[in-house]
C-alpha atoms as a PDB file:
ATOM      1  CA  UNK A   1       0.000   0.000   0.000  1.00  0.00           C
ATOM      2  CA  UNK A   2       1.763   3.122  -1.230  1.00  0.00           C
ATOM      3  CA  UNK A   3      -0.852   5.775  -0.419  1.00  0.00           C
ATOM      4  CA  UNK A   4      -2.635   7.021   2.690  1.00  0.00           C
ATOM      5  CA  UNK A   5      -5.719   9.092   3.373  1.00  0.00           C
ATOM      6  CA  UNK A   6      -7.220  10.291   6.649  1.00  0.00           C
ATOM      7  CA  UNK A   7     -10.853   9.516   7.383  1.00  0.00           C
ATOM      8  CA  UNK A   8     -13.177  11.940   9.158  1.00  0.00           C
ATOM      9  CA  UNK A   9     -12.458  10.460  12.611  1.00  0.00           C
ATOM     10  CA  UNK A  10      -8.697  10.679  12.118  1.00  0.00           C
ATOM     11  CA  UNK A  11      -8.126   7.051  11.167  1.00  0.00           C
ATOM     12  CA  UNK A  12      -5.328   6.617   8.651  1.00  0.00           C
ATOM     13  CA  UNK A  13      -6.240   4.355   5.763  1.00  0.00           C
ATOM     14  CA  UNK A  14      -3.697   2.712   3.475  1.00  0.00           C
ATOM     15  CA  UNK A  15      -4.559   2.124  -0.157  1.00  0.00           C
ATOM     16  CA  UNK A  16      -2.971   1.115  -3.430  1.00  0.00           C
ATOM     17  CA  UNK A  17      -3.620   3.080  -6.604  1.00  0.00           C
ATOM     18  CA  UNK A  18      -3.054   1.944 -10.147  1.00  0.00           C
ATOM     19  CA  UNK A  19      -4.155   2.724 -13.687  1.00  0.00           C
ATOM     20  CA  UNK A  20      -5.690   5.687 -15.466  1.00  0.00           C
ATOM     21  CA  UNK A  21      -9.259   6.620 -16.267  1.00  0.00           C
ATOM     22  CA  UNK A  22     -12.468   7.178 -14.288  1.00  0.00           C
ATOM     23  CA  UNK A  23     -11.980   6.560 -10.545  1.00  0.00           C
ATOM     24  CA  UNK A  24     -13.034   3.171  -9.167  1.00  0.00           C
ATOM     25  CA  UNK A  25     -12.836   2.089  -5.512  1.00  0.00           C
ATOM     26  CA  UNK A  26     -12.694  -1.656  -4.760  1.00  0.00           C
ATOM     27  CA  UNK A  27     -14.112  -2.786  -1.399  1.00  0.00           C
ATOM     28  CA  UNK A  28     -12.989  -6.153  -0.017  1.00  0.00           C
ATOM     29  CA  UNK A  29     -15.035  -8.527   2.117  1.00  0.00           C
ATOM     30  CA  UNK A  30     -14.493 -10.192   5.477  1.00  0.00           C
ATOM     31  CA  UNK A  31     -11.060 -11.617   6.349  1.00  0.00           C
ATOM     32  CA  UNK A  32      -9.589  -9.781   3.374  1.00  0.00           C
ATOM     33  CA  UNK A  33      -7.181  -6.914   2.834  1.00  0.00           C
ATOM     34  CA  UNK A  34      -6.650  -4.793  -0.220  1.00  0.00           C
ATOM     35  CA  UNK A  35      -4.132  -7.357  -1.465  1.00  0.00           C
ATOM     36  CA  UNK A  36      -7.008  -9.780  -2.009  1.00  0.00           C
ATOM     37  CA  UNK A  37      -8.342  -7.552  -4.778  1.00  0.00           C
ATOM     38  CA  UNK A  38      -4.951  -6.707  -6.298  1.00  0.00           C
ATOM     39  CA  UNK A  39      -5.340  -9.229  -9.178  1.00  0.00           C
ATOM     40  CA  UNK A  40      -8.673  -7.681 -10.136  1.00  0.00           C
ATOM     41  CA  UNK A  41      -7.224  -4.173  -9.847  1.00  0.00           C
ATOM     42  CA  UNK A  42      -4.427  -5.149 -12.247  1.00  0.00           C
ATOM     43  CA  UNK A  43      -6.973  -6.271 -14.832  1.00  0.00           C
ATOM     44  CA  UNK A  44      -8.958  -3.041 -14.502  1.00  0.00           C
ATOM     45  CA  UNK A  45      -6.018  -0.637 -14.496  1.00  0.00           C
ATOM     46  CA  UNK A  46      -6.086  -0.262 -18.272  1.00  0.00           C
ATOM     47  CA  UNK A  47      -9.523   1.385 -18.074  1.00  0.00           C
ATOM     48  CA  UNK A  48      -9.779   2.909 -14.590  1.00  0.00           C
ATOM     49  CA  UNK A  49      -7.939   4.809 -11.896  1.00  0.00           C
ATOM     50  CA  UNK A  50      -8.299   2.000  -9.336  1.00  0.00           C
ATOM     51  CA  UNK A  51      -8.084   2.631  -5.586  1.00  0.00           C
ATOM     52  CA  UNK A  52      -7.876  -0.462  -3.367  1.00  0.00           C
ATOM     53  CA  UNK A  53      -7.845   0.194   0.393  1.00  0.00           C
ATOM     54  CA  UNK A  54      -7.075  -1.924   3.387  1.00  0.00           C
ATOM     55  CA  UNK A  55     -10.344  -1.434   5.231  1.00  0.00           C
ATOM     56  CA  UNK A  56      -9.988  -0.098   8.772  1.00  0.00           C
ATOM     57  CA  UNK A  57      -8.749  -2.634  11.284  1.00  0.00           C
ATOM     58  CA  UNK A  58      -6.807  -4.708   8.789  1.00  0.00           C
ATOM     59  CA  UNK A  59      -3.599  -4.624   6.794  1.00  0.00           C
ATOM     60  CA  UNK A  60      -1.716  -1.324   6.988  1.00  0.00           C
ATOM     61  CA  UNK A  61      -4.783   0.738   7.945  1.00  0.00           C
ATOM     62  CA  UNK A  62      -5.533   1.953  11.436  1.00  0.00           C
ATOM     63  CA  UNK A  63      -8.672   1.642  13.514  1.00  0.00           C
ATOM     64  CA  UNK A  64     -10.447   3.885  15.977  1.00  0.00           C
ATOM     65  CA  UNK A  65     -12.931   2.749  18.612  1.00  0.00           C
ATOM     66  CA  UNK A  66     -15.856   2.645  18.864  1.00  0.00           C
ATOM     67  CA  UNK A  67     -16.665   1.106  15.511  1.00  0.00           C
ATOM     68  CA  UNK A  68     -19.754   2.096  13.535  1.00  0.00           C
ATOM     69  CA  UNK A  69     -20.719   1.351   9.951  1.00  0.00           C
ATOM     70  CA  UNK A  70     -20.909   5.100   9.414  1.00  0.00           C
ATOM     71  CA  UNK A  71     -17.140   5.287   9.996  1.00  0.00           C
ATOM     72  CA  UNK A  72     -16.518   2.937   7.073  1.00  0.00           C
ATOM     73  CA  UNK A  73     -18.866   4.967   4.903  1.00  0.00           C
ATOM     74  CA  UNK A  74     -16.724   7.971   5.840  1.00  0.00           C
ATOM     75  CA  UNK A  75     -13.653   5.941   4.871  1.00  0.00           C
ATOM     76  CA  UNK A  76     -15.092   5.432   1.402  1.00  0.00           C
ATOM     77  CA  UNK A  77     -15.931   9.134   1.265  1.00  0.00           C
ATOM     78  CA  UNK A  78     -12.285   9.944   2.027  1.00  0.00           C
ATOM     79  CA  UNK A  79     -11.127   7.632  -0.758  1.00  0.00           C
ATOM     80  CA  UNK A  80     -13.578   9.198  -3.191  1.00  0.00           C
ATOM     81  CA  UNK A  81     -12.209  12.581  -2.158  1.00  0.00           C
ATOM     82  CA  UNK A  82      -8.678  11.390  -2.867  1.00  0.00           C
ATOM     83  CA  UNK A  83      -9.883  10.208  -6.270  1.00  0.00           C
ATOM     84  CA  UNK A  84     -11.128  13.671  -7.149  1.00  0.00           C
ATOM     85  CA  UNK A  85     -14.634  13.869  -5.715  1.00  0.00           C
ATOM     86  CA  UNK A  86     -16.595  11.143  -7.492  1.00  0.00           C
ATOM     87  CA  UNK A  87     -16.079   7.434  -8.167  1.00  0.00           C
ATOM     88  CA  UNK A  88     -17.657   4.126  -9.025  1.00  0.00           C
ATOM     89  CA  UNK A  89     -17.649   1.357  -6.423  1.00  0.00           C
ATOM     90  CA  UNK A  90     -17.170  -2.389  -6.603  1.00  0.00           C
ATOM     91  CA  UNK A  91     -17.665  -4.545  -3.519  1.00  0.00           C
ATOM     92  CA  UNK A  92     -17.498  -8.276  -2.897  1.00  0.00           C
ATOM     93  CA  UNK A  93     -19.412 -10.262  -0.252  1.00  0.00           C
ATOM     94  CA  UNK A  94     -19.808  -8.146   2.909  1.00  0.00           C
ATOM     95  CA  UNK A  95     -17.783  -5.481   1.099  1.00  0.00           C
ATOM     96  CA  UNK A  96     -20.656  -5.439  -1.396  1.00  0.00           C
ATOM     97  CA  UNK A  97     -23.051  -4.614   1.430  1.00  0.00           C
ATOM     98  CA  UNK A  98     -20.727  -1.776   2.497  1.00  0.00           C
ATOM     99  CA  UNK A  99     -20.486  -0.408  -1.049  1.00  0.00           C
ATOM    100  CA  UNK A 100     -24.277  -0.412  -1.319  1.00  0.00           C
ATOM    101  CA  UNK A 101     -24.620   1.348   2.030  1.00  0.00           C
ATOM    102  CA  UNK A 102     -22.092   3.971   0.932  1.00  0.00           C
ATOM    103  CA  UNK A 103     -24.109   4.631  -2.220  1.00  0.00           C
ATOM    104  CA  UNK A 104     -27.352   4.783  -0.228  1.00  0.00           C
ATOM    105  CA  UNK A 105     -25.757   7.320   2.121  1.00  0.00           C
ATOM    106  CA  UNK A 106     -25.569   9.887  -0.647  1.00  0.00           C
ATOM    107  CA  UNK A 107     -21.866   9.793  -1.470  1.00  0.00           C
ATOM    108  CA  UNK A 108     -20.923  10.967  -4.998  1.00  0.00           C
ATOM    109  CA  UNK A 109     -21.035   7.452  -6.441  1.00  0.00           C
ATOM    110  CA  UNK A 110     -21.483   7.122 -10.191  1.00  0.00           C
ATOM    111  CA  UNK A 111     -22.173   3.375 -10.427  1.00  0.00           C
ATOM    112  CA  UNK A 112     -22.101   0.406  -8.042  1.00  0.00           C
ATOM    113  CA  UNK A 113     -21.193  -3.171  -8.944  1.00  0.00           C
ATOM    114  CA  UNK A 114     -21.373  -5.904  -6.326  1.00  0.00           C
ATOM    115  CA  UNK A 115     -20.570  -9.595  -6.259  1.00  0.00           C
ATOM    116  CA  UNK A 116     -22.615 -11.956  -4.106  1.00  0.00           C
ATOM    117  CA  UNK A 117     -23.705  -9.786  -1.164  1.00  0.00           C
ATOM    118  CA  UNK A 118     -24.526 -12.513   1.410  1.00  0.00           C
ATOM    119  CA  UNK A 119     -28.014 -11.317   2.328  1.00  0.00           C
ATOM    120  CA  UNK A 120     -30.476 -13.740   3.897  1.00  0.00           C
ATOM    121  CA  UNK A 121     -33.805 -14.289   2.170  1.00  0.00           C
ATOM    122  CA  UNK A 122     -35.364 -16.678   4.701  1.00  0.00           C
ATOM    123  CA  UNK A 123     -36.108 -16.710   8.422  1.00  0.00           C
ATOM    124  CA  UNK A 124     -33.715 -19.631   8.746  1.00  0.00           C
ATOM    125  CA  UNK A 125     -30.913 -17.625   7.155  1.00  0.00           C
ATOM    126  CA  UNK A 126     -31.598 -14.631   9.400  1.00  0.00           C
ATOM    127  CA  UNK A 127     -31.618 -16.883  12.478  1.00  0.00           C
ATOM    128  CA  UNK A 128     -28.277 -18.390  11.468  1.00  0.00           C
ATOM    129  CA  UNK A 129     -26.843 -14.883  11.106  1.00  0.00           C
ATOM    130  CA  UNK A 130     -28.181 -13.869  14.551  1.00  0.00           C
ATOM    131  CA  UNK A 131     -26.623 -16.937  16.177  1.00  0.00           C
ATOM    132  CA  UNK A 132     -23.319 -16.159  14.459  1.00  0.00           C
ATOM    133  CA  UNK A 133     -23.425 -12.569  15.711  1.00  0.00           C
ATOM    134  CA  UNK A 134     -23.934 -13.687  19.308  1.00  0.00           C
ATOM    135  CA  UNK A 135     -21.157 -16.280  19.224  1.00  0.00           C
ATOM    136  CA  UNK A 136     -18.762 -13.960  17.355  1.00  0.00           C
ATOM    137  CA  UNK A 137     -19.320 -11.158  19.868  1.00  0.00           C
ATOM    138  CA  UNK A 138     -18.635 -13.540  22.760  1.00  0.00           C
ATOM    139  CA  UNK A 139     -15.461 -14.923  21.176  1.00  0.00           C
ATOM    140  CA  UNK A 140     -14.024 -11.479  20.430  1.00  0.00           C
ATOM    141  CA  UNK A 141     -14.984 -10.098  23.833  1.00  0.00           C
ATOM    142  CA  UNK A 142     -13.046 -12.980  25.400  1.00  0.00           C
ATOM    143  CA  UNK A 143     -10.047 -12.512  23.126  1.00  0.00           C
ATOM    144  CA  UNK A 144     -10.568 -15.866  21.381  1.00  0.00           C
ATOM    145  CA  UNK A 145      -9.535 -14.709  17.942  1.00  0.00           C
ATOM    146  CA  UNK A 146      -8.961 -18.187  16.579  1.00  0.00           C
ATOM    147  CA  UNK A 147     -12.470 -19.212  17.595  1.00  0.00           C
ATOM    148  CA  UNK A 148     -13.829 -16.090  15.903  1.00  0.00           C
ATOM    149  CA  UNK A 149     -12.121 -17.058  12.649  1.00  0.00           C
ATOM    150  CA  UNK A 150     -13.502 -20.590  12.971  1.00  0.00           C
ATOM    151  CA  UNK A 151     -17.019 -19.218  13.401  1.00  0.00           C
ATOM    152  CA  UNK A 152     -16.670 -17.174  10.232  1.00  0.00           C
ATOM    153  CA  UNK A 153     -15.276 -20.078   8.228  1.00  0.00           C
ATOM    154  CA  UNK A 154     -18.157 -22.257   9.416  1.00  0.00           C
ATOM    155  CA  UNK A 155     -20.613 -19.535   8.377  1.00  0.00           C
ATOM    156  CA  UNK A 156     -19.179 -19.652   4.864  1.00  0.00           C
ATOM    157  CA  UNK A 157     -19.885 -23.386   4.730  1.00  0.00           C
ATOM    158  CA  UNK A 158     -16.343 -24.679   5.160  1.00  0.00           C
ATOM    159  CA  UNK A 159     -16.322 -28.225   6.522  1.00  0.00           C
ATOM    160  CA  UNK A 160     -14.976 -28.861  10.064  1.00  0.00           C
ATOM    161  CA  UNK A 161     -12.055 -30.899   8.703  1.00  0.00           C
ATOM    162  CA  UNK A 162     -11.058 -28.038   6.421  1.00  0.00           C
ATOM    163  CA  UNK A 163     -11.299 -25.558   9.292  1.00  0.00           C
ATOM    164  CA  UNK A 164      -9.065 -27.780  11.435  1.00  0.00           C
ATOM    165  CA  UNK A 165      -6.573 -27.934   8.573  1.00  0.00           C
ATOM    166  CA  UNK A 166      -6.701 -24.138   8.187  1.00  0.00           C
ATOM    167  CA  UNK A 167      -5.644 -23.708  11.821  1.00  0.00           C
ATOM    168  CA  UNK A 168      -2.344 -25.437  11.003  1.00  0.00           C
ATOM    169  CA  UNK A 169      -1.640 -23.361   7.888  1.00  0.00           C
ATOM    170  CA  UNK A 170       0.978 -20.580   7.730  1.00  0.00           C
ATOM    171  CA  UNK A 171      -1.861 -18.129   6.975  1.00  0.00           C
ATOM    172  CA  UNK A 172      -3.596 -18.684  10.320  1.00  0.00           C
ATOM    173  CA  UNK A 173      -1.673 -16.027  12.345  1.00  0.00           C
ATOM    174  CA  UNK A 174      -2.542 -13.424   9.704  1.00  0.00           C
ATOM    175  CA  UNK A 175      -6.191 -14.459   9.887  1.00  0.00           C
ATOM    176  CA  UNK A 176      -6.194 -14.151  13.677  1.00  0.00           C
ATOM    177  CA  UNK A 177      -4.555 -10.716  13.387  1.00  0.00           C
ATOM    178  CA  UNK A 178      -7.564  -9.282  11.534  1.00  0.00           C
ATOM    179  CA  UNK A 179     -10.206 -11.339  13.361  1.00  0.00           C
ATOM    180  CA  UNK A 180     -11.552  -8.279  15.255  1.00  0.00           C
ATOM    181  CA  UNK A 181     -12.601  -6.817  11.892  1.00  0.00           C
ATOM    182  CA  UNK A 182     -15.124  -9.654  11.588  1.00  0.00           C
ATOM    183  CA  UNK A 183     -17.288  -7.607  13.946  1.00  0.00           C
ATOM    184  CA  UNK A 184     -17.101  -4.743  11.444  1.00  0.00           C
ATOM    185  CA  UNK A 185     -18.392  -6.917   8.619  1.00  0.00           C
ATOM    186  CA  UNK A 186     -21.080  -8.358  10.853  1.00  0.00           C
ATOM    187  CA  UNK A 187     -22.272  -4.826  11.660  1.00  0.00           C
ATOM    188  CA  UNK A 188     -22.261  -3.948   7.959  1.00  0.00           C
ATOM    189  CA  UNK A 189     -24.570  -6.906   7.300  1.00  0.00           C
ATOM    190  CA  UNK A 190     -27.076  -5.408   9.792  1.00  0.00           C
ATOM    191  CA  UNK A 191     -28.806  -8.676  10.627  1.00  0.00           C
ATOM    192  CA  UNK A 192     -28.357 -10.140   7.185  1.00  0.00           C
ATOM    193  CA  UNK A 193     -31.667  -9.343   5.498  1.00  0.00           C
ATOM    194  CA  UNK A 194     -31.800  -7.625   2.114  1.00  0.00           C
ATOM    195  CA  UNK A 195     -31.814  -3.893   3.036  1.00  0.00           C
ATOM    196  CA  UNK A 196     -34.719  -3.039   0.748  1.00  0.00           C
ATOM    197  CA  UNK A 197     -35.273   0.502   2.046  1.00  0.00           C
ATOM    198  CA  UNK A 198     -31.574   1.396   1.815  1.00  0.00           C
ATOM    199  CA  UNK A 199     -31.276  -0.055  -1.663  1.00  0.00           C
ATOM    200  CA  UNK A 200     -34.298   1.960  -2.753  1.00  0.00           C
ATOM    201  CA  UNK A 201     -32.372   5.111  -1.790  1.00  0.00           C
ATOM    202  CA  UNK A 202     -29.554   4.450  -4.285  1.00  0.00           C
ATOM    203  CA  UNK A 203     -29.816   6.760  -7.276  1.00  0.00           C
ATOM    204  CA  UNK A 204     -26.815   5.339  -9.161  1.00  0.00           C
ATOM    205  CA  UNK A 205     -27.116   2.298 -11.443  1.00  0.00           C
ATOM    206  CA  UNK A 206     -26.444  -0.982  -9.609  1.00  0.00           C
ATOM    207  CA  UNK A 207     -25.188  -4.270 -11.057  1.00  0.00           C
ATOM    208  CA  UNK A 208     -25.490  -7.324  -8.806  1.00  0.00           C
ATOM    209  CA  UNK A 209     -23.451 -10.317  -9.940  1.00  0.00           C
ATOM    210  CA  UNK A 210     -23.359 -13.917  -8.774  1.00  0.00           C
ATOM    211  CA  UNK A 211     -21.679 -17.135  -9.830  1.00  0.00           C
ATOM    212  CA  UNK A 212     -23.489 -19.925 -11.593  1.00  0.00           C
ATOM    213  CA  UNK A 213     -21.612 -22.496  -9.491  1.00  0.00           C
ATOM    214  CA  UNK A 214     -22.330 -20.733  -6.200  1.00  0.00           C
ATOM    215  CA  UNK A 215     -25.156 -21.872  -3.894  1.00  0.00           C
ATOM    216  CA  UNK A 216     -28.591 -20.925  -5.201  1.00  0.00           C
ATOM    217  CA  UNK A 217     -29.263 -18.610  -2.262  1.00  0.00           C
ATOM    218  CA  UNK A 218     -26.332 -16.411  -3.283  1.00  0.00           C
ATOM    219  CA  UNK A 219     -27.802 -15.970  -6.750  1.00  0.00           C
ATOM    220  CA  UNK A 220     -31.194 -15.259  -5.219  1.00  0.00           C
ATOM    221  CA  UNK A 221     -29.672 -12.661  -2.889  1.00  0.00           C
ATOM    222  CA  UNK A 222     -27.946 -10.918  -5.788  1.00  0.00           C
ATOM    223  CA  UNK A 223     -31.160 -10.913  -7.801  1.00  0.00           C
ATOM    224  CA  UNK A 224     -33.102  -9.513  -4.829  1.00  0.00           C
ATOM    225  CA  UNK A 225     -30.472  -6.793  -4.464  1.00  0.00           C
ATOM    226  CA  UNK A 226     -30.899  -5.775  -8.098  1.00  0.00           C
ATOM    227  CA  UNK A 227     -34.689  -5.873  -7.816  1.00  0.00           C
ATOM    228  CA  UNK A 228     -34.659  -3.528  -4.813  1.00  0.00           C
ATOM    229  CA  UNK A 229     -32.464  -0.875  -6.452  1.00  0.00           C
ATOM    230  CA  UNK A 230     -34.272   1.675  -8.658  1.00  0.00           C
ATOM    231  CA  UNK A 231     -31.724   1.158 -11.448  1.00  0.00           C
ATOM    232  CA  UNK A 232     -30.694  -2.397 -10.644  1.00  0.00           C
ATOM    233  CA  UNK A 233     -29.599  -5.197 -12.953  1.00  0.00           C
ATOM    234  CA  UNK A 234     -28.633  -8.791 -12.229  1.00  0.00           C
ATOM    235  CA  UNK A 235     -26.159 -11.001 -14.038  1.00  0.00           C
ATOM    236  CA  UNK A 236     -25.046 -14.574 -13.411  1.00  0.00           C
ATOM    237  CA  UNK A 237     -21.493 -15.573 -14.367  1.00  0.00           C
ATOM    238  CA  UNK A 238     -21.408 -19.153 -15.624  1.00  0.00           C
ATOM    239  CA  UNK A 239     -19.249 -21.653 -13.729  1.00  0.00           C
ATOM    240  CA  UNK A 240     -18.096 -19.084 -11.154  1.00  0.00           C
ATOM    241  CA  UNK A 241     -18.105 -19.545  -7.368  1.00  0.00           C
ATOM    242  CA  UNK A 242     -17.777 -17.048  -4.512  1.00  0.00           C
ATOM    243  CA  UNK A 243     -14.066 -16.969  -5.380  1.00  0.00           C
ATOM    244  CA  UNK A 244     -14.714 -15.398  -8.750  1.00  0.00           C
ATOM    245  CA  UNK A 245     -12.000 -15.472 -11.435  1.00  0.00           C
ATOM    246  CA  UNK A 246     -10.721 -11.918 -12.070  1.00  0.00           C
ATOM    247  CA  UNK A 247     -10.350 -12.738 -15.771  1.00  0.00           C
ATOM    248  CA  UNK A 248     -14.080 -13.491 -15.940  1.00  0.00           C
ATOM    249  CA  UNK A 249     -15.203 -10.661 -13.679  1.00  0.00           C
ATOM    250  CA  UNK A 250     -13.138  -7.800 -15.104  1.00  0.00           C
ATOM    251  CA  UNK A 251     -14.827  -7.652 -18.549  1.00  0.00           C
ATOM    252  CA  UNK A 252     -18.251  -7.600 -16.899  1.00  0.00           C
ATOM    253  CA  UNK A 253     -17.216  -4.684 -14.699  1.00  0.00           C
ATOM    254  CA  UNK A 254     -15.709  -2.780 -17.617  1.00  0.00           C
ATOM    255  CA  UNK A 255     -18.902  -3.172 -19.641  1.00  0.00           C
ATOM    256  CA  UNK A 256     -21.130  -1.979 -16.789  1.00  0.00           C
ATOM    257  CA  UNK A 257     -18.942   0.768 -15.382  1.00  0.00           C
ATOM    258  CA  UNK A 258     -18.243   2.341 -18.760  1.00  0.00           C
ATOM    259  CA  UNK A 259     -21.826   2.004 -20.018  1.00  0.00           C
END
């Protein structure tokens, strides 16, 4: 991360910047830093001025207590300011929910593309999210960062054997280091339901994407997101999962964001 910007509450945010063209801010999801989106940024740099931050509480960015979703909206506002005062947004997973909230908050956002915002469409899904919130809060309050990471991995559907294997991987200490930011993403999800009223407040065009090989509920959540936005569109990417291939995603973003 070779750039820094200061958010409204004084938090210093690190971000990478590459390419030339209309400004585009990429917003990562849970357990991710800006480096996670670096391959996508590289594929978009020929068409856009791409800003990729480490969200607060992770990577090279700072954090300031107490956390509120509004602080991360202000972080995006600071990045848009650094970009010149207006930008498009792309967000993935819980970062998609944050990008949508930023657009709904009235920031100067030109277009919003999101990939698989993990919104719940059923009572069962909302109950699972509520149980996760309670257990995550308890684990973090007790300083059990490893348990917090396990809870998140289980929420994503990772099998217990795979989670046990992950705990022995060289990446585990880095995952524990940013575990407190899981509470940030959980707050962004705001209970997990599709935020119909907030989406209705977005005046910019919205593209909600999902993978054809992802679970059906993820495609349904993306479609519901598009349906709730005044200028929403939905697109399914064949054979893609939640870990979408940047080579497949980038052309879709270019088409939408330059349309």
